[in-house]
Amino acid sequence: MEKFTRTLRGYDPVEVNKFLDQVIKQVSKMVKMLKEKDQIIKMREQKIAELQKSLAQTNKMREKLLQYERMEDTLNRAIIMAQKTSDQIKTNAINESEMLMDNAKKNANRIVNEALMQAEKAEIEADRIRRNIIVYKRKLKDLLQSQLDMIDEIEKVNF
């Protein structure tokens, strides 16, 4: 608490004005500091919003990756089933060819060709999906690395 000397008409105006100048300077400094801290808070809130958005995108990509993995698993099972079916069809064709040689040869060739085409189509589709998954994984790794880089940058800014 500041004490002022008394004069004829109250307190000394020079002392009071000097004190008020000091108070104004301190209040100005405090206002400036508050504005700077508000700016820092706004910047950090923006960074948080960006990170949350990025996290949401990462989660979406993770869901897509899981979906592709499930599709790949389903296709792998389909290929195995197609191969088993192809083997069964070949066996049946051989047994029938012993009884009806002419018809069995025609049917066996047709069945084998269809099975091979189906297996080839399934294999081509599986290769395409594998390539897509590799690309997706690479993009996801790049995104995660950029997120880690952003976090490193944020930590540098904080310290």
Protein backbone atom coordinates (compact mmCIF):
# COMPACT_ATOMS: atom_id res chain seq x y z
CA MET A 1 0.00 0.00 0.00
CA GLU A 2 1.43 3.33 -1.04
CA LYS A 3 1.51 6.20 1.49
CA PHE A 4 1.29 9.74 0.19
CA THR A 5 2.37 12.92 1.91
CA ARG A 6 -0.36 15.35 2.77
CA THR A 7 -0.39 18.86 1.42
CA LEU A 8 -2.58 21.82 1.98
CA ARG A 9 -5.47 20.51 -0.18
CA GLY A 10 -5.06 16.77 0.33
CA TYR A 11 -2.38 14.46 -1.01
CA ASP A 12 0.63 15.55 -3.03
CA PRO A 13 -0.55 15.42 -6.70
CA VAL A 14 2.96 14.69 -8.03
CA GLU A 15 3.28 11.59 -5.83
CA VAL A 16 -0.25 10.46 -6.66
CA ASN A 17 0.35 10.93 -10.43
CA LYS A 18 3.67 9.10 -10.20
CA PHE A 19 1.96 6.23 -8.39
CA LEU A 20 -0.87 6.17 -10.95
CA ASP A 21 1.73 6.04 -13.76
CA GLN A 22 3.31 3.01 -12.10
CA VAL A 23 -0.09 1.34 -11.73
CA ILE A 24 -0.91 2.06 -15.40
CA LYS A 25 2.42 0.56 -16.52
CA GLN A 26 1.85 -2.57 -14.42
CA VAL A 27 -1.73 -2.97 -15.64
CA SER A 28 -0.55 -2.47 -19.25
CA LYS A 29 2.10 -5.15 -18.78
CA MET A 30 -0.48 -7.49 -17.28
CA VAL A 31 -2.93 -6.82 -20.15
CA LYS A 32 -0.16 -7.45 -22.68
CA MET A 33 0.82 -10.69 -20.94
CA LEU A 34 -2.82 -11.81 -20.90
CA LYS A 35 -3.18 -11.08 -24.63
CA GLU A 36 0.00 -13.06 -25.36
CA LYS A 37 -1.24 -15.96 -23.26
CA ASP A 38 -4.61 -15.80 -25.01
CA GLN A 39 -2.82 -16.02 -28.37
CA ILE A 40 -0.81 -18.98 -27.15
CA ILE A 41 -3.98 -20.66 -25.91
CA LYS A 42 -5.72 -20.03 -29.25
CA MET A 43 -2.74 -21.46 -31.15
CA ARG A 44 -2.71 -24.53 -28.93
CA GLU A 45 -6.45 -24.96 -29.30
CA GLN A 46 -6.00 -24.83 -33.08
CA LYS A 47 -3.24 -27.42 -32.85
CA ILE A 48 -5.48 -29.60 -30.69
CA ALA A 49 -8.31 -29.25 -33.19
CA GLU A 50 -5.94 -30.18 -36.02
CA LEU A 51 -4.66 -33.17 -34.07
CA GLN A 52 -8.21 -34.28 -33.28
CA LYS A 53 -9.12 -33.98 -36.94
CA SER A 54 -6.03 -35.92 -37.88
CA LEU A 55 -6.86 -38.54 -35.27
CA ALA A 56 -10.34 -38.87 -36.70
CA GLN A 57 -8.85 -39.35 -40.16
CA THR A 58 -6.42 -41.90 -38.76
CA ASN A 59 -9.29 -43.77 -37.14
CA LYS A 60 -11.21 -43.74 -40.42
CA MET A 61 -8.15 -45.07 -42.21
CA ARG A 62 -7.71 -47.72 -39.52
CA GLU A 63 -11.31 -48.80 -40.07
CA LYS A 64 -10.74 -48.96 -43.81
CA LEU A 65 -7.59 -50.99 -43.24
CA LEU A 66 -9.52 -53.42 -41.05
CA GLN A 67 -12.18 -53.64 -43.73
CA TYR A 68 -9.54 -54.39 -46.38
CA GLU A 69 -7.97 -56.99 -44.12
CA ARG A 70 -11.36 -58.65 -43.65
CA MET A 71 -11.90 -58.54 -47.41
CA GLU A 72 -8.46 -60.07 -47.96
CA ASP A 73 -9.25 -62.83 -45.47
CA THR A 74 -12.57 -63.49 -47.18
CA LEU A 75 -10.90 -63.59 -50.57
CA ASN A 76 -8.22 -65.94 -49.27
CA ARG A 77 -10.92 -68.28 -47.98
CA ALA A 78 -12.72 -67.97 -51.30
CA ILE A 79 -9.52 -68.88 -53.15
CA ILE A 80 -8.99 -71.90 -50.92
CA MET A 81 -12.59 -72.95 -51.43
CA ALA A 82 -12.22 -72.40 -55.17
CA GLN A 83 -9.09 -74.55 -55.15
CA LYS A 84 -10.83 -77.27 -53.14
CA THR A 85 -13.81 -77.09 -55.42
CA SER A 86 -11.55 -77.25 -58.43
CA ASP A 87 -9.83 -80.34 -57.04
CA GLN A 88 -13.19 -81.97 -56.29
CA ILE A 89 -14.47 -81.16 -59.76
CA LYS A 90 -11.34 -82.68 -61.31
CA THR A 91 -11.77 -85.85 -59.27
CA ASN A 92 -15.43 -86.15 -60.25
CA ALA A 93 -14.53 -85.54 -63.86
CA ILE A 94 -11.94 -88.34 -63.78
CA ASN A 95 -14.46 -90.79 -62.26
CA GLU A 96 -17.09 -89.90 -64.83
CA SER A 97 -14.54 -90.16 -67.65
CA GLU A 98 -14.08 -93.85 -66.88
CA MET A 99 -17.81 -94.49 -67.47
CA LEU A 100 -18.50 -92.07 -70.30
CA MET A 101 -15.22 -91.33 -72.02
CA ASP A 102 -16.45 -88.94 -74.68
CA ASN A 103 -18.83 -86.84 -72.57
CA ALA A 104 -16.45 -86.82 -69.63
CA LYS A 105 -13.59 -85.40 -71.71
CA LYS A 106 -15.81 -82.54 -72.96
CA ASN A 107 -17.19 -81.81 -69.49
CA ALA A 108 -13.81 -82.12 -67.80
CA ASN A 109 -12.19 -79.65 -70.19
CA ARG A 110 -15.03 -77.18 -69.70
CA ILE A 111 -15.02 -77.54 -65.92
CA VAL A 112 -11.22 -77.29 -65.65
CA ASN A 113 -11.18 -74.19 -67.85
CA GLU A 114 -13.91 -72.51 -65.79
CA ALA A 115 -12.18 -73.39 -62.54
CA LEU A 116 -8.86 -72.11 -63.81
CA MET A 117 -10.47 -68.89 -65.02
CA GLN A 118 -12.21 -68.43 -61.68
CA ALA A 119 -8.98 -69.14 -59.81
CA GLU A 120 -7.10 -66.78 -62.09
CA LYS A 121 -9.70 -64.03 -61.60
CA ALA A 122 -9.66 -64.57 -57.85
CA GLU A 123 -5.86 -64.49 -57.83
CA ILE A 124 -5.79 -61.29 -59.89
CA GLU A 125 -8.33 -59.70 -57.53
CA ALA A 126 -6.33 -60.85 -54.50
CA ASP A 127 -3.16 -59.36 -56.00
CA ARG A 128 -4.98 -56.09 -56.62
CA ILE A 129 -6.26 -55.98 -53.06
CA ARG A 130 -2.80 -56.81 -51.70
CA ARG A 131 -1.35 -53.92 -53.70
CA ASN A 132 -4.09 -51.62 -52.41
CA ILE A 133 -3.38 -52.72 -48.86
CA ILE A 134 0.35 -52.08 -49.31
CA VAL A 135 -0.39 -48.59 -50.66
CA TYR A 136 -2.86 -47.96 -47.86
CA LYS A 137 -0.39 -49.14 -45.21
CA ARG A 138 2.31 -46.91 -46.71
CA LYS A 139 -0.03 -43.90 -46.65
CA LEU A 140 -1.04 -44.70 -43.08
CA LYS A 141 2.61 -44.96 -42.02
CA ASP A 142 3.35 -41.62 -43.72
CA LEU A 143 0.37 -40.03 -41.99
CA LEU A 144 1.39 -41.41 -38.61
CA GLN A 145 4.95 -40.24 -39.16
CA SER A 146 3.72 -36.75 -40.03
CA GLN A 147 1.61 -36.79 -36.87
CA LEU A 148 4.68 -37.76 -34.84
CA ASP A 149 6.62 -34.97 -36.51
CA MET A 150 3.86 -32.52 -35.60
CA ILE A 151 3.98 -33.71 -32.00
CA ASP A 152 7.74 -33.23 -31.98
CA GLU A 153 7.26 -29.72 -33.32
CA ILE A 154 4.66 -28.99 -30.63
CA GLU A 155 7.03 -30.23 -27.96
CA LYS A 156 9.78 -27.98 -29.35
CA VAL A 157 7.44 -25.02 -29.22
CA ASN A 158 6.45 -25.80 -25.61
CA PHE A 159 10.03 -25.99 -24.39
